């Protein structure tokens, strides 16, 4: 096997894997961003319907029960969607860097400032949902508030998307070994 070809192939393989991983990550992020926007719209529509019928007792509960059955959603998920809209009544205030799962954790927090703190910190630090939950459990907001370090505004530029990639695509055997095996066929 030509050593030069092996080095070129290794570089090509690495580049192609990187391109595939970046594309896949962008696709997942785009789909999740659309999910966040759609759930906001669903929450807004349900709340608007509830407000239109506020004179009828238990209308909201019956509405959620019926939608749950007809849409195949869990009742708790629909309540989260409504709570999401109520927590973020202005859609442009949503941070596009966060997933729906991030928001389901953040909307359960008590105050708007605390929600904004964790939202901003999650975006800046590219926190996973697991890390976000850990930071909440460790009372990161309360500690920042004591020291006066509560940041609730996103910087103009966030860390690069490359920081998001944590698990590159890996092959099961070395590239040069696969080339040798193919050439022997």
N, C-alpha and C. Protein backbone atom coordinates (compact mmCIF):
# COMPACT_ATOMS: atom_id res chain seq x y z
N UNK A 1 0.85 -1.19 0.00
CA UNK A 1 0.00 0.00 0.00
C UNK A 1 0.89 1.23 0.00
N UNK A 2 0.55 2.16 -0.85
CA UNK A 2 1.28 3.42 -0.96
C UNK A 2 1.03 4.26 0.30
N UNK A 3 2.11 4.63 0.99
CA UNK A 3 1.99 5.39 2.24
C UNK A 3 1.34 6.75 1.99
N UNK A 4 1.65 7.37 0.87
CA UNK A 4 1.07 8.67 0.53
C UNK A 4 -0.44 8.55 0.39
N UNK A 5 -0.92 7.49 -0.30
CA UNK A 5 -2.35 7.28 -0.48
C UNK A 5 -3.03 7.08 0.87
N UNK A 6 -2.43 6.36 1.77
CA UNK A 6 -3.00 6.12 3.09
C UNK A 6 -3.14 7.42 3.86
N UNK A 7 -2.13 8.29 3.81
CA UNK A 7 -2.21 9.57 4.52
C UNK A 7 -3.29 10.45 3.91
N UNK A 8 -3.37 10.47 2.58
CA UNK A 8 -4.41 11.25 1.92
C UNK A 8 -5.80 10.72 2.27
N UNK A 9 -5.92 9.40 2.28
CA UNK A 9 -7.19 8.80 2.60
C UNK A 9 -7.60 9.09 4.04
N UNK A 10 -6.67 8.99 4.96
CA UNK A 10 -6.96 9.28 6.37
C UNK A 10 -7.47 10.71 6.53
N UNK A 11 -6.86 11.66 5.84
CA UNK A 11 -7.28 13.07 5.91
C UNK A 11 -8.67 13.23 5.29
N UNK A 12 -8.89 12.58 4.14
CA UNK A 12 -10.19 12.64 3.48
C UNK A 12 -11.28 12.06 4.39
N UNK A 13 -11.01 10.92 4.95
CA UNK A 13 -11.98 10.26 5.82
C UNK A 13 -12.32 11.16 7.01
N UNK A 14 -11.32 11.75 7.60
CA UNK A 14 -11.53 12.65 8.74
C UNK A 14 -12.40 13.84 8.32
N UNK A 15 -12.12 14.44 7.17
CA UNK A 15 -12.90 15.58 6.69
C UNK A 15 -14.35 15.20 6.40
N UNK A 16 -14.55 14.05 5.75
CA UNK A 16 -15.90 13.62 5.41
C UNK A 16 -16.70 13.33 6.68
N UNK A 17 -16.09 12.68 7.65
CA UNK A 17 -16.77 12.42 8.92
C UNK A 17 -17.16 13.73 9.60
N UNK A 18 -16.27 14.68 9.57
CA UNK A 18 -16.54 15.98 10.18
C UNK A 18 -17.72 16.68 9.49
N UNK A 19 -17.72 16.65 8.16
CA UNK A 19 -18.82 17.26 7.41
C UNK A 19 -20.16 16.59 7.72
N UNK A 20 -20.15 15.27 7.77
CA UNK A 20 -21.38 14.53 8.09
C UNK A 20 -21.87 14.86 9.49
N UNK A 21 -20.97 14.91 10.43
CA UNK A 21 -21.35 15.21 11.82
C UNK A 21 -21.90 16.62 11.94
N UNK A 22 -21.25 17.58 11.28
CA UNK A 22 -21.74 18.97 11.32
C UNK A 22 -23.13 19.08 10.70
N UNK A 23 -23.33 18.42 9.56
CA UNK A 23 -24.63 18.46 8.90
C UNK A 23 -25.71 17.82 9.75
N UNK A 24 -25.40 16.69 10.36
CA UNK A 24 -26.35 16.01 11.21
C UNK A 24 -26.73 16.87 12.42
N UNK A 25 -25.75 17.50 13.01
CA UNK A 25 -25.99 18.36 14.17
C UNK A 25 -26.87 19.54 13.78
N UNK A 26 -26.58 20.15 12.62
CA UNK A 26 -27.40 21.28 12.15
C UNK A 26 -28.84 20.83 11.88
N UNK A 27 -29.00 19.64 11.33
CA UNK A 27 -30.34 19.13 11.03
C UNK A 27 -31.13 18.90 12.32
N UNK A 28 -30.50 18.27 13.31
CA UNK A 28 -31.17 18.04 14.59
C UNK A 28 -31.56 19.36 15.24
N UNK A 29 -30.64 20.31 15.19
CA UNK A 29 -30.90 21.61 15.81
C UNK A 29 -32.04 22.34 15.10
N UNK A 30 -32.07 22.27 13.78
CA UNK A 30 -33.14 22.93 13.02
C UNK A 30 -34.50 22.30 13.33
N UNK A 31 -34.55 20.99 13.37
CA UNK A 31 -35.80 20.30 13.68
C UNK A 31 -36.27 20.66 15.09
N UNK A 32 -35.36 20.67 16.05
CA UNK A 32 -35.74 20.98 17.42
C UNK A 32 -36.18 22.44 17.55
N UNK A 33 -35.54 23.32 16.80
CA UNK A 33 -35.92 24.73 16.83
C UNK A 33 -37.35 24.90 16.30
N UNK A 34 -37.69 24.16 15.26
CA UNK A 34 -39.05 24.20 14.71
C UNK A 34 -40.03 23.63 15.74
N UNK A 35 -39.62 22.59 16.44
CA UNK A 35 -40.46 22.00 17.48
C UNK A 35 -40.76 23.03 18.57
N UNK A 36 -39.75 23.77 19.01
CA UNK A 36 -39.93 24.80 20.03
C UNK A 36 -40.92 25.85 19.53
N UNK A 37 -40.74 26.32 18.31
CA UNK A 37 -41.62 27.34 17.75
C UNK A 37 -43.06 26.82 17.60
N UNK A 38 -43.20 25.58 17.15
CA UNK A 38 -44.52 24.98 16.97
C UNK A 38 -45.23 24.82 18.31
N UNK A 39 -44.51 24.33 19.32
CA UNK A 39 -45.12 24.16 20.64
C UNK A 39 -45.51 25.51 21.23
N UNK A 40 -44.74 26.55 20.95
CA UNK A 40 -45.12 27.88 21.41
C UNK A 40 -46.45 28.28 20.77
N UNK A 41 -46.58 28.04 19.45
CA UNK A 41 -47.81 28.39 18.74
C UNK A 41 -49.00 27.58 19.26
N UNK A 42 -48.78 26.30 19.54
CA UNK A 42 -49.84 25.45 20.08
C UNK A 42 -50.27 25.99 21.45
N UNK A 43 -49.29 26.32 22.29
CA UNK A 43 -49.60 26.88 23.61
C UNK A 43 -50.39 28.17 23.50
N UNK A 44 -49.98 29.03 22.58
CA UNK A 44 -50.67 30.31 22.38
C UNK A 44 -52.11 30.07 21.94
N UNK A 45 -52.31 29.13 21.06
CA UNK A 45 -53.67 28.84 20.55
C UNK A 45 -54.56 28.28 21.65
N UNK A 46 -54.02 27.38 22.47
CA UNK A 46 -54.81 26.80 23.57
C UNK A 46 -55.18 27.88 24.58
N UNK A 47 -54.23 28.72 24.94
CA UNK A 47 -54.49 29.79 25.90
C UNK A 47 -55.53 30.76 25.34
N UNK A 48 -55.42 31.08 24.08
CA UNK A 48 -56.40 31.97 23.45
C UNK A 48 -57.81 31.36 23.52
N UNK A 49 -57.90 30.06 23.29
CA UNK A 49 -59.20 29.37 23.37
C UNK A 49 -59.72 29.38 24.81
N UNK A 50 -58.84 29.13 25.77
CA UNK A 50 -59.24 29.15 27.19
C UNK A 50 -59.76 30.53 27.57
N UNK A 51 -59.07 31.57 27.14
CA UNK A 51 -59.48 32.94 27.48
C UNK A 51 -60.83 33.28 26.87
N UNK A 52 -61.09 32.76 25.69
CA UNK A 52 -62.37 33.00 25.03
C UNK A 52 -63.53 32.32 25.74
N UNK A 53 -63.22 31.32 26.53
CA UNK A 53 -64.26 30.56 27.23
C UNK A 53 -64.10 30.63 28.75
N UNK A 54 -63.47 31.68 29.24
CA UNK A 54 -63.13 31.74 30.67
C UNK A 54 -64.34 31.76 31.59
N UNK A 55 -65.51 32.05 31.08
CA UNK A 55 -66.71 32.04 31.91
C UNK A 55 -67.20 30.63 32.22
N UNK A 56 -66.71 29.65 31.50
CA UNK A 56 -67.17 28.26 31.69
C UNK A 56 -66.23 27.53 32.63
N UNK A 57 -66.77 27.03 33.72
CA UNK A 57 -65.96 26.33 34.72
C UNK A 57 -65.33 25.07 34.12
N UNK A 58 -64.12 24.82 34.48
CA UNK A 58 -63.37 23.62 34.08
C UNK A 58 -63.17 23.49 32.57
N UNK A 59 -63.38 24.55 31.82
CA UNK A 59 -63.23 24.47 30.37
C UNK A 59 -61.79 24.11 29.98
N UNK A 60 -60.83 24.76 30.63
CA UNK A 60 -59.42 24.51 30.31
C UNK A 60 -59.02 23.06 30.52
N UNK A 61 -59.46 22.48 31.62
CA UNK A 61 -59.13 21.08 31.92
C UNK A 61 -59.77 20.15 30.89
N UNK A 62 -61.06 20.40 30.59
CA UNK A 62 -61.73 19.56 29.59
C UNK A 62 -61.10 19.73 28.21
N UNK A 63 -60.69 20.95 27.91
CA UNK A 63 -60.04 21.23 26.63
C UNK A 63 -58.75 20.41 26.51
N UNK A 64 -57.93 20.44 27.54
CA UNK A 64 -56.67 19.67 27.53
C UNK A 64 -56.95 18.18 27.45
N UNK A 65 -57.94 17.71 28.21
CA UNK A 65 -58.30 16.28 28.17
C UNK A 65 -58.70 15.85 26.75
N UNK A 66 -59.53 16.65 26.10
CA UNK A 66 -59.99 16.31 24.75
C UNK A 66 -58.84 16.38 23.74
N UNK A 67 -58.03 17.44 23.82
CA UNK A 67 -56.89 17.56 22.90
C UNK A 67 -55.92 16.40 23.10
N UNK A 68 -55.73 16.01 24.33
CA UNK A 68 -54.82 14.90 24.64
C UNK A 68 -55.25 13.64 23.91
N UNK A 69 -56.52 13.33 23.98
CA UNK A 69 -57.05 12.13 23.31
C UNK A 69 -56.98 12.28 21.79
N UNK A 70 -57.46 13.41 21.29
CA UNK A 70 -57.55 13.59 19.84
C UNK A 70 -56.20 13.76 19.15
N UNK A 71 -55.22 14.32 19.86
CA UNK A 71 -53.89 14.53 19.26
C UNK A 71 -52.90 13.42 19.61
N UNK A 72 -53.25 12.59 20.59
CA UNK A 72 -52.34 11.54 21.01
C UNK A 72 -51.18 12.05 21.85
N UNK A 73 -51.38 13.19 22.50
CA UNK A 73 -50.38 13.76 23.40
C UNK A 73 -50.72 13.37 24.83
N UNK A 74 -49.72 13.26 25.67
CA UNK A 74 -49.98 13.10 27.09
C UNK A 74 -50.51 14.42 27.63
N UNK A 75 -51.42 14.34 28.60
CA UNK A 75 -51.96 15.55 29.22
C UNK A 75 -50.84 16.41 29.80
N UNK A 76 -49.87 15.76 30.44
CA UNK A 76 -48.77 16.52 31.06
C UNK A 76 -47.97 17.27 30.01
N UNK A 77 -47.82 16.70 28.83
CA UNK A 77 -47.09 17.39 27.76
C UNK A 77 -47.86 18.62 27.28
N UNK A 78 -49.17 18.50 27.18
CA UNK A 78 -49.97 19.66 26.77
C UNK A 78 -49.93 20.75 27.84
N UNK A 79 -49.96 20.35 29.10
CA UNK A 79 -49.84 21.35 30.16
C UNK A 79 -48.47 22.04 30.11
N UNK A 80 -47.42 21.28 29.78
CA UNK A 80 -46.09 21.88 29.62
C UNK A 80 -46.07 22.88 28.47
N UNK A 81 -46.74 22.53 27.38
CA UNK A 81 -46.79 23.42 26.23
C UNK A 81 -47.49 24.72 26.59
N UNK A 82 -48.59 24.62 27.34
CA UNK A 82 -49.32 25.81 27.79
C UNK A 82 -48.45 26.62 28.76
N UNK A 83 -47.81 25.92 29.69
CA UNK A 83 -46.92 26.60 30.64
C UNK A 83 -45.76 27.29 29.91
N UNK A 84 -45.26 26.66 28.86
CA UNK A 84 -44.19 27.23 28.05
C UNK A 84 -44.64 28.55 27.44
N UNK A 85 -45.82 28.56 26.84
CA UNK A 85 -46.34 29.80 26.25
C UNK A 85 -46.51 30.87 27.32
N UNK A 86 -47.05 30.49 28.46
CA UNK A 86 -47.28 31.48 29.53
C UNK A 86 -45.97 32.02 30.08
N UNK A 87 -44.92 31.21 30.07
CA UNK A 87 -43.60 31.66 30.53
C UNK A 87 -42.91 32.55 29.51
N UNK A 88 -43.22 32.34 28.24
CA UNK A 88 -42.61 33.10 27.14
C UNK A 88 -43.71 33.61 26.20
N UNK A 89 -44.52 34.59 26.66
CA UNK A 89 -45.63 35.05 25.82
C UNK A 89 -45.19 35.80 24.56
N UNK A 90 -43.92 36.17 24.47
CA UNK A 90 -43.40 36.84 23.28
C UNK A 90 -42.39 35.89 22.63
N UNK A 91 -42.72 35.37 21.48
CA UNK A 91 -41.93 34.32 20.84
C UNK A 91 -40.50 34.76 20.54
N UNK A 92 -40.27 36.01 20.24
CA UNK A 92 -38.92 36.43 19.89
C UNK A 92 -37.97 36.42 21.08
N UNK A 93 -38.51 36.24 22.29
CA UNK A 93 -37.66 36.16 23.47
C UNK A 93 -37.05 34.78 23.65
N UNK A 94 -37.46 33.83 22.83
CA UNK A 94 -36.90 32.47 22.92
C UNK A 94 -35.47 32.45 22.39
N UNK A 95 -34.66 31.63 23.01
CA UNK A 95 -33.28 31.47 22.58
C UNK A 95 -33.20 30.28 21.63
N UNK A 96 -32.81 30.53 20.39
CA UNK A 96 -32.76 29.48 19.38
C UNK A 96 -31.74 28.39 19.65
N UNK A 97 -30.83 28.62 20.58
CA UNK A 97 -29.79 27.63 20.86
C UNK A 97 -30.28 26.52 21.78
N UNK A 98 -31.46 26.68 22.38
CA UNK A 98 -31.93 25.69 23.34
C UNK A 98 -32.96 24.76 22.74
N UNK A 99 -32.95 23.54 23.22
CA UNK A 99 -33.89 22.53 22.74
C UNK A 99 -35.19 22.60 23.53
N UNK A 100 -36.19 21.89 23.03
CA UNK A 100 -37.46 21.79 23.73
C UNK A 100 -37.23 21.22 25.13
N UNK A 101 -36.37 20.23 25.24
CA UNK A 101 -36.12 19.61 26.55
C UNK A 101 -35.49 20.61 27.52
N UNK A 102 -34.61 21.49 27.04
CA UNK A 102 -34.08 22.55 27.89
C UNK A 102 -35.23 23.39 28.45
N UNK A 103 -36.13 23.78 27.55
CA UNK A 103 -37.23 24.64 27.97
C UNK A 103 -38.17 23.94 28.95
N UNK A 104 -38.37 22.63 28.81
CA UNK A 104 -39.24 21.93 29.75
C UNK A 104 -38.65 21.95 31.16
N UNK A 105 -37.35 22.03 31.26
CA UNK A 105 -36.68 22.13 32.57
C UNK A 105 -36.77 23.58 33.07
N UNK A 106 -36.48 24.53 32.20
CA UNK A 106 -36.40 25.93 32.59
C UNK A 106 -37.77 26.50 32.99
N UNK A 107 -38.84 26.11 32.32
CA UNK A 107 -40.15 26.71 32.63
C UNK A 107 -40.66 26.31 34.00
N UNK A 108 -40.08 25.34 34.60
CA UNK A 108 -40.52 24.91 35.95
C UNK A 108 -39.90 25.77 37.06
N UNK A 109 -38.99 26.66 36.68
CA UNK A 109 -38.35 27.53 37.67
C UNK A 109 -39.31 28.63 38.09
N UNK A 110 -39.10 29.16 39.30
CA UNK A 110 -40.08 30.07 39.92
C UNK A 110 -40.15 31.45 39.30
N UNK A 111 -39.02 32.09 39.10
CA UNK A 111 -39.06 33.49 38.67
C UNK A 111 -38.56 33.65 37.25
N UNK A 112 -38.98 34.75 36.64
CA UNK A 112 -38.55 35.05 35.28
C UNK A 112 -37.03 35.27 35.24
N UNK A 113 -36.48 35.94 36.25
CA UNK A 113 -35.03 36.19 36.27
C UNK A 113 -34.25 34.87 36.36
N UNK A 114 -34.73 33.94 37.18
CA UNK A 114 -34.05 32.65 37.31
C UNK A 114 -34.14 31.88 35.99
N UNK A 115 -35.30 31.90 35.35
CA UNK A 115 -35.45 31.22 34.05
C UNK A 115 -34.48 31.83 33.03
N UNK A 116 -34.44 33.16 32.99
CA UNK A 116 -33.57 33.85 32.02
C UNK A 116 -32.10 33.54 32.30
N UNK A 117 -31.73 33.49 33.58
CA UNK A 117 -30.34 33.17 33.96
C UNK A 117 -29.94 31.81 33.40
N UNK A 118 -30.75 30.79 33.66
CA UNK A 118 -30.40 29.44 33.20
C UNK A 118 -30.49 29.32 31.68
N UNK A 119 -31.41 30.04 31.08
CA UNK A 119 -31.52 30.05 29.63
C UNK A 119 -30.23 30.61 29.01
N UNK A 120 -29.79 31.76 29.50
CA UNK A 120 -28.60 32.42 28.97
C UNK A 120 -27.34 31.58 29.26
N UNK A 121 -27.22 31.08 30.47
CA UNK A 121 -26.05 30.27 30.82
C UNK A 121 -25.99 28.98 30.00
N UNK A 122 -27.16 28.38 29.76
CA UNK A 122 -27.21 27.17 28.93
C UNK A 122 -26.74 27.45 27.51
N UNK A 123 -27.16 28.58 26.97
CA UNK A 123 -26.76 28.95 25.60
C UNK A 123 -25.28 29.28 25.53
N UNK A 124 -24.79 30.08 26.47
CA UNK A 124 -23.38 30.48 26.47
C UNK A 124 -22.47 29.27 26.66
N UNK A 125 -22.82 28.43 27.65
CA UNK A 125 -21.98 27.28 27.97
C UNK A 125 -22.27 26.04 27.16
N UNK A 126 -23.25 26.13 26.26
CA UNK A 126 -23.65 24.96 25.45
C UNK A 126 -23.94 23.77 26.37
N UNK A 127 -24.70 24.04 27.45
CA UNK A 127 -25.00 23.01 28.43
C UNK A 127 -25.95 21.97 27.85
N UNK A 128 -25.68 20.74 28.15
CA UNK A 128 -26.63 19.67 27.86
C UNK A 128 -27.78 19.80 28.87
N UNK A 129 -28.85 19.10 28.65
CA UNK A 129 -29.97 19.13 29.59
C UNK A 129 -29.52 18.55 30.93
N UNK A 130 -28.70 17.52 30.88
CA UNK A 130 -28.19 16.91 32.11
C UNK A 130 -27.38 17.94 32.92
N UNK A 131 -26.54 18.69 32.23
CA UNK A 131 -25.74 19.70 32.92
C UNK A 131 -26.62 20.82 33.46
N UNK A 132 -27.64 21.22 32.70
CA UNK A 132 -28.57 22.24 33.16
C UNK A 132 -29.24 21.79 34.46
N UNK A 133 -29.73 20.57 34.48
CA UNK A 133 -30.39 20.05 35.69
C UNK A 133 -29.42 20.02 36.87
N UNK A 134 -28.18 19.65 36.59
CA UNK A 134 -27.15 19.62 37.63
C UNK A 134 -26.90 21.03 38.19
N UNK A 135 -26.81 22.01 37.31
CA UNK A 135 -26.58 23.40 37.73
C UNK A 135 -27.75 23.92 38.56
N UNK A 136 -28.97 23.55 38.18
CA UNK A 136 -30.15 23.96 38.94
C UNK A 136 -30.12 23.30 40.32
N UNK A 137 -29.83 22.02 40.33
CA UNK A 137 -29.77 21.29 41.61
C UNK A 137 -28.71 21.90 42.53
N UNK A 138 -27.59 22.32 41.96
CA UNK A 138 -26.50 22.93 42.74
C UNK A 138 -26.74 24.41 43.02
N UNK A 139 -27.90 24.91 42.66
CA UNK A 139 -28.32 26.28 42.93
C UNK A 139 -27.34 27.33 42.39
N UNK A 140 -26.96 27.14 41.13
CA UNK A 140 -26.05 28.06 40.46
C UNK A 140 -26.60 29.50 40.45
N UNK A 141 -27.88 29.63 40.21
CA UNK A 141 -28.50 30.95 40.18
C UNK A 141 -28.40 31.65 41.54
N UNK A 142 -28.74 30.93 42.60
CA UNK A 142 -28.70 31.52 43.93
C UNK A 142 -27.28 31.96 44.29
N UNK A 143 -26.29 31.17 43.92
CA UNK A 143 -24.90 31.54 44.20
C UNK A 143 -24.49 32.76 43.39
N UNK A 144 -24.90 32.81 42.13
CA UNK A 144 -24.57 33.97 41.28
C UNK A 144 -25.26 35.23 41.81
N UNK A 145 -26.46 35.07 42.32
CA UNK A 145 -27.21 36.21 42.85
C UNK A 145 -26.50 36.78 44.09
N UNK A 146 -25.98 35.90 44.92
CA UNK A 146 -25.27 36.34 46.13
C UNK A 146 -24.02 37.14 45.79
N UNK A 147 -23.34 36.75 44.71
CA UNK A 147 -22.10 37.43 44.32
C UNK A 147 -22.34 38.56 43.32
N UNK A 148 -23.58 38.72 42.91
CA UNK A 148 -23.90 39.79 41.95
C UNK A 148 -23.51 39.45 40.52
N UNK A 149 -23.36 38.17 40.20
CA UNK A 149 -22.94 37.74 38.87
C UNK A 149 -24.08 37.15 38.05
N UNK A 150 -25.28 37.64 38.23
CA UNK A 150 -26.43 37.12 37.48
C UNK A 150 -26.44 37.76 36.10
N UNK A 151 -26.18 36.95 35.08
CA UNK A 151 -26.18 37.42 33.69
C UNK A 151 -27.46 36.91 33.04
N UNK A 152 -28.29 37.86 32.57
CA UNK A 152 -29.55 37.47 31.94
C UNK A 152 -29.67 37.98 30.51
N UNK A 153 -28.55 38.40 29.95
CA UNK A 153 -28.52 38.86 28.56
C UNK A 153 -27.50 38.04 27.79
N UNK A 154 -27.87 37.60 26.61
CA UNK A 154 -26.94 36.87 25.76
C UNK A 154 -25.89 37.82 25.20
N UNK A 155 -24.64 37.37 25.09
CA UNK A 155 -23.64 38.20 24.43
C UNK A 155 -23.96 38.30 22.93
N UNK A 156 -23.35 39.26 22.26
CA UNK A 156 -23.61 39.43 20.83
C UNK A 156 -23.18 38.21 20.03
N UNK A 157 -22.12 37.54 20.48
CA UNK A 157 -21.64 36.36 19.75
C UNK A 157 -21.46 35.21 20.72
N UNK A 158 -22.08 34.07 20.40
CA UNK A 158 -21.97 32.87 21.23
C UNK A 158 -20.76 32.05 20.77
N UNK A 159 -20.35 31.06 21.56
CA UNK A 159 -19.26 30.19 21.14
C UNK A 159 -19.58 29.53 19.80
N UNK A 160 -18.54 29.15 19.07
CA UNK A 160 -18.73 28.58 17.74
C UNK A 160 -19.47 27.25 17.79
N UNK A 161 -20.19 26.91 16.71
CA UNK A 161 -20.91 25.64 16.68
C UNK A 161 -20.01 24.42 16.84
N UNK A 162 -18.74 24.55 16.50
CA UNK A 162 -17.83 23.42 16.64
C UNK A 162 -17.71 22.97 18.09
N UNK A 163 -17.99 23.87 19.02
CA UNK A 163 -17.94 23.51 20.44
C UNK A 163 -19.03 22.51 20.80
N UNK A 164 -20.06 22.43 19.97
CA UNK A 164 -21.18 21.54 20.24
C UNK A 164 -20.79 20.09 20.01
N UNK A 165 -19.89 19.84 19.06
CA UNK A 165 -19.55 18.46 18.66
C UNK A 165 -18.77 17.78 19.76
N UNK A 166 -19.39 16.75 20.29
CA UNK A 166 -18.77 16.04 21.40
C UNK A 166 -18.41 14.61 21.03
N UNK A 167 -19.15 14.04 20.08
CA UNK A 167 -18.95 12.64 19.75
C UNK A 167 -18.77 12.50 18.24
N UNK A 168 -17.55 12.51 17.77
CA UNK A 168 -17.34 12.37 16.33
C UNK A 168 -17.69 10.96 15.86
N UNK A 169 -17.97 10.86 14.57
CA UNK A 169 -18.22 9.55 13.97
C UNK A 169 -16.90 8.81 13.92
N UNK A 170 -16.91 7.57 14.36
CA UNK A 170 -15.68 6.78 14.32
C UNK A 170 -15.93 5.48 13.58
N UNK A 171 -14.91 5.02 12.87
CA UNK A 171 -15.00 3.75 12.16
C UNK A 171 -14.66 2.61 13.10
N UNK A 172 -14.92 1.38 12.65
CA UNK A 172 -14.65 0.22 13.49
C UNK A 172 -13.25 -0.32 13.31
N UNK A 173 -12.61 0.05 12.22
CA UNK A 173 -11.22 -0.38 12.02
C UNK A 173 -10.45 0.78 11.40
N UNK A 174 -9.15 0.66 11.39
CA UNK A 174 -8.34 1.76 10.88
C UNK A 174 -8.52 1.90 9.37
N UNK A 175 -8.47 3.14 8.85
CA UNK A 175 -8.68 3.36 7.42
C UNK A 175 -7.67 2.62 6.55
N UNK A 176 -6.41 2.62 6.95
CA UNK A 176 -5.40 1.98 6.12
C UNK A 176 -5.64 0.47 6.04
N UNK A 177 -6.17 -0.12 7.13
CA UNK A 177 -6.45 -1.55 7.12
C UNK A 177 -7.61 -1.84 6.16
N UNK A 178 -8.61 -0.96 6.12
CA UNK A 178 -9.72 -1.16 5.20
C UNK A 178 -9.27 -1.03 3.75
N UNK A 179 -8.36 -0.09 3.46
CA UNK A 179 -7.85 0.06 2.10
C UNK A 179 -7.12 -1.21 1.69
N UNK A 180 -6.29 -1.73 2.56
CA UNK A 180 -5.56 -2.95 2.27
C UNK A 180 -6.51 -4.10 2.01
N UNK A 181 -7.57 -4.20 2.86
CA UNK A 181 -8.53 -5.29 2.69
C UNK A 181 -9.26 -5.14 1.35
N UNK A 182 -9.61 -3.91 0.94
CA UNK A 182 -10.31 -3.72 -0.33
C UNK A 182 -9.40 -4.05 -1.50
N UNK A 183 -8.12 -3.67 -1.41
CA UNK A 183 -7.17 -3.93 -2.51
C UNK A 183 -6.90 -5.40 -2.66
N UNK A 184 -7.06 -6.18 -1.61
CA UNK A 184 -6.81 -7.62 -1.67
C UNK A 184 -8.01 -8.37 -2.25
N UNK A 185 -9.12 -7.71 -2.41
CA UNK A 185 -10.31 -8.39 -2.93
C UNK A 185 -10.20 -8.65 -4.43
